[in-house]
C-alpha atoms as a PDB file:
ATOM      1  CA  MET A   1     -18.742 -16.770 -25.987  1.00  0.00           C
ATOM      2  CA  LYS A   2     -17.415 -19.046 -28.671  1.00  0.00           C
ATOM      3  CA  HIS A   3     -13.775 -19.125 -27.489  1.00  0.00           C
ATOM      4  CA  ASN A   4     -12.439 -21.837 -29.774  1.00  0.00           C
ATOM      5  CA  GLU A   5     -14.198 -20.551 -32.875  1.00  0.00           C
ATOM      6  CA  PHE A   6     -13.072 -16.965 -32.165  1.00  0.00           C
ATOM      7  CA  THR A   7      -9.478 -18.112 -31.667  1.00  0.00           C
ATOM      8  CA  THR A   8      -9.526 -20.051 -34.938  1.00  0.00           C
ATOM      9  CA  TRP A   9     -11.107 -17.124 -36.771  1.00  0.00           C
ATOM     10  CA  LEU A  10      -8.432 -14.729 -35.427  1.00  0.00           C
ATOM     11  CA  GLU A  11      -5.692 -17.129 -36.517  1.00  0.00           C
ATOM     12  CA  GLU A  12      -7.123 -17.349 -40.020  1.00  0.00           C
ATOM     13  CA  ASN A  13      -8.519 -13.850 -40.611  1.00  0.00           C
ATOM     14  CA  SER A  14      -6.635 -11.282 -38.598  1.00  0.00           C
ATOM     15  CA  ARG A  15      -3.326  -9.586 -38.953  1.00  0.00           C
ATOM     16  CA  PHE A  16      -2.201 -11.139 -35.668  1.00  0.00           C
ATOM     17  CA  LYS A  17       0.155 -14.056 -36.100  1.00  0.00           C
ATOM     18  CA  SER A  18       1.381 -14.375 -32.530  1.00  0.00           C
ATOM     19  CA  ALA A  19      -0.477 -16.934 -30.434  1.00  0.00           C
ATOM     20  CA  ARG A  20       0.049 -14.668 -27.408  1.00  0.00           C
ATOM     21  CA  VAL A  21      -1.684 -11.698 -29.055  1.00  0.00           C
ATOM     22  CA  ILE A  22      -4.598 -13.874 -30.150  1.00  0.00           C
ATOM     23  CA  LYS A  23      -4.945 -15.282 -26.638  1.00  0.00           C
ATOM     24  CA  ASP A  24      -4.938 -11.715 -25.265  1.00  0.00           C
ATOM     25  CA  TYR A  25      -7.753 -10.679 -27.623  1.00  0.00           C
ATOM     26  CA  VAL A  26      -9.897 -13.631 -26.586  1.00  0.00           C
ATOM     27  CA  SER A  27      -9.168 -12.908 -22.925  1.00  0.00           C
ATOM     28  CA  ARG A  28     -10.070  -9.214 -23.248  1.00  0.00           C
ATOM     29  CA  ALA A  29     -13.388  -9.909 -24.947  1.00  0.00           C
ATOM     30  CA  THR A  30     -14.151 -12.521 -22.285  1.00  0.00           C
ATOM     31  CA  ARG A  31     -13.289 -10.023 -19.548  1.00  0.00           C
ATOM     32  CA  LEU A  32     -15.730  -7.458 -20.906  1.00  0.00           C
ATOM     33  CA  GLU A  33     -18.469 -10.059 -21.294  1.00  0.00           C
ATOM     34  CA  LYS A  34     -17.921 -11.228 -17.705  1.00  0.00           C
ATOM     35  CA  GLU A  35     -18.033  -7.684 -16.283  1.00  0.00           C
ATOM     36  CA  PHE A  36     -21.101  -6.688 -18.296  1.00  0.00           C
ATOM     37  CA  SER A  37     -22.918  -9.835 -17.164  1.00  0.00           C
ATOM     38  CA  LYS A  38     -22.599  -8.568 -13.562  1.00  0.00           C
ATOM     39  CA  TYR A  39     -24.692  -5.519 -14.449  1.00  0.00           C
ATOM     40  CA  PHE A  40     -26.899  -6.687 -17.303  1.00  0.00           C
ATOM     41  CA  GLY A  41     -27.648 -10.207 -16.107  1.00  0.00           C
ATOM     42  CA  LYS A  42     -25.901 -13.536 -16.197  1.00  0.00           C
ATOM     43  CA  SER A  43     -27.417 -14.294 -19.572  1.00  0.00           C
ATOM     44  CA  PHE A  44     -25.514 -11.368 -21.177  1.00  0.00           C
ATOM     45  CA  THR A  45     -23.348 -12.509 -24.083  1.00  0.00           C
ATOM     46  CA  LEU A  46     -21.602 -10.656 -26.864  1.00  0.00           C
ATOM     47  CA  GLU A  47     -23.216 -13.007 -29.402  1.00  0.00           C
ATOM     48  CA  ASP A  48     -26.697 -12.080 -28.209  1.00  0.00           C
ATOM     49  CA  GLU A  49     -25.819  -8.392 -28.310  1.00  0.00           C
ATOM     50  CA  TYR A  50     -24.584  -8.785 -31.873  1.00  0.00           C
ATOM     51  CA  LEU A  51     -27.767 -10.593 -32.888  1.00  0.00           C
ATOM     52  CA  LYS A  52     -29.989  -7.945 -31.219  1.00  0.00           C
ATOM     53  CA  ASP A  53     -28.503  -4.808 -32.739  1.00  0.00           C
ATOM     54  CA  ASN A  54     -25.116  -5.643 -34.281  1.00  0.00           C
ATOM     55  CA  GLY A  55     -23.515  -4.734 -30.955  1.00  0.00           C
ATOM     56  CA  LYS A  56     -24.628  -1.095 -31.038  1.00  0.00           C
ATOM     57  CA  PHE A  57     -25.532  -1.076 -27.337  1.00  0.00           C
ATOM     58  CA  VAL A  58     -22.143  -2.458 -26.291  1.00  0.00           C
ATOM     59  CA  LYS A  59     -20.324  -0.115 -28.653  1.00  0.00           C
ATOM     60  CA  SER A  60     -22.239   2.861 -27.234  1.00  0.00           C
ATOM     61  CA  MET A  61     -21.173   1.869 -23.712  1.00  0.00           C
ATOM     62  CA  LEU A  62     -17.539   1.779 -24.829  1.00  0.00           C
ATOM     63  CA  LEU A  63     -17.424   5.214 -26.471  1.00  0.00           C
ATOM     64  CA  ARG A  64     -14.686   7.518 -25.212  1.00  0.00           C
ATOM     65  CA  CYS A  65     -12.886   4.729 -23.324  1.00  0.00           C
ATOM     66  CA  GLY A  66     -16.055   3.632 -21.583  1.00  0.00           C
ATOM     67  CA  GLU A  67     -16.912   6.992 -20.018  1.00  0.00           C
ATOM     68  CA  LYS A  68     -20.592   5.970 -19.733  1.00  0.00           C
ATOM     69  CA  LEU A  69     -19.479   3.217 -17.366  1.00  0.00           C
ATOM     70  CA  LYS A  70     -18.338   5.828 -14.820  1.00  0.00           C
ATOM     71  CA  SER A  71     -21.928   6.451 -13.714  1.00  0.00           C
ATOM     72  CA  LYS A  72     -23.089   5.395 -10.256  1.00  0.00           C
ATOM     73  CA  GLN A  73     -24.960   2.502 -11.820  1.00  0.00           C
ATOM     74  CA  PHE A  74     -21.676   0.751 -12.637  1.00  0.00           C
ATOM     75  CA  ILE A  75     -19.705   1.344  -9.425  1.00  0.00           C
ATOM     76  CA  GLY A  76     -17.248  -1.484  -8.988  1.00  0.00           C
ATOM     77  CA  ILE A  77     -17.035  -2.566 -12.601  1.00  0.00           C
ATOM     78  CA  ALA A  78     -13.578  -4.068 -13.042  1.00  0.00           C
ATOM     79  CA  LEU A  79     -12.575  -2.429 -16.319  1.00  0.00           C
ATOM     80  CA  PRO A  80      -9.869   0.204 -16.909  1.00  0.00           C
ATOM     81  CA  ILE A  81     -12.392   2.942 -17.726  1.00  0.00           C
ATOM     82  CA  GLY A  82     -10.834   6.073 -19.184  1.00  0.00           C
ATOM     83  CA  LYS A  83      -7.391   4.492 -19.482  1.00  0.00           C
ATOM     84  CA  ASN A  84      -5.405   3.444 -22.523  1.00  0.00           C
ATOM     85  CA  GLN A  85      -5.876  -0.229 -21.569  1.00  0.00           C
ATOM     86  CA  MET A  86      -9.549   0.202 -22.365  1.00  0.00           C
ATOM     87  CA  TYR A  87      -8.662   0.665 -26.042  1.00  0.00           C
ATOM     88  CA  CYS A  88      -7.287  -2.892 -26.067  1.00  0.00           C
ATOM     89  CA  ILE A  89     -10.571  -4.234 -24.693  1.00  0.00           C
ATOM     90  CA  ILE A  90     -12.578  -2.148 -27.170  1.00  0.00           C
ATOM     91  CA  SER A  91     -10.458  -3.466 -30.029  1.00  0.00           C
ATOM     92  CA  ALA A  92     -11.010  -7.058 -28.888  1.00  0.00           C
ATOM     93  CA  VAL A  93     -14.773  -6.508 -28.772  1.00  0.00           C
ATOM     94  CA  LYS A  94     -14.737  -4.996 -32.262  1.00  0.00           C
ATOM     95  CA  TYR A  95     -12.908  -8.073 -33.536  1.00  0.00           C
ATOM     96  CA  TYR A  96     -15.411 -10.293 -31.761  1.00  0.00           C
ATOM     97  CA  PHE A  97     -18.283  -8.535 -33.499  1.00  0.00           C
ATOM     98  CA  MET A  98     -16.459  -8.965 -36.834  1.00  0.00           C
ATOM     99  CA  PHE A  99     -16.205 -12.661 -35.988  1.00  0.00           C
ATOM    100  CA  CYS A 100     -19.938 -12.744 -35.170  1.00  0.00           C
ATOM    101  CA  GLU A 101     -20.712 -11.181 -38.546  1.00  0.00           C
ATOM    102  CA  TYR A 102     -18.590 -13.787 -40.312  1.00  0.00           C
ATOM    103  CA  TYR A 103     -20.033 -16.628 -38.232  1.00  0.00           C
ATOM    104  CA  THR A 104     -23.685 -15.666 -38.817  1.00  0.00           C
ATOM    105  CA  LYS A 105     -23.102 -15.257 -42.571  1.00  0.00           C
ATOM    106  CA  SER A 106     -21.402 -18.655 -42.768  1.00  0.00           C
ATOM    107  CA  LEU A 107     -24.453 -20.310 -41.167  1.00  0.00           C
ATOM    108  CA  LYS A 108     -26.752 -19.091 -43.965  1.00  0.00           C
END
């Protein structure tokens, strides 16, 4: 995850002006990436998922507050599945994918 670049992008391009809120968004996206890497392999990154399919797989796993993550396959995943807190993580991931879109376009 490109922490510094994501933080800078949020500061410059989001509606969030509070450093605390920006730090929370970076932390939430990092948390999801860390938890998913436990189940999908240590090489799992949100950037790679964006490059593969624009994050469609990750987004599909997060539908309905992450209900798909309740299956036996994901027992022990440390995410607030089915709770309102999950919306905050989902929002952070959406912003990270927006950042990825911006970042990949700026490299061209």
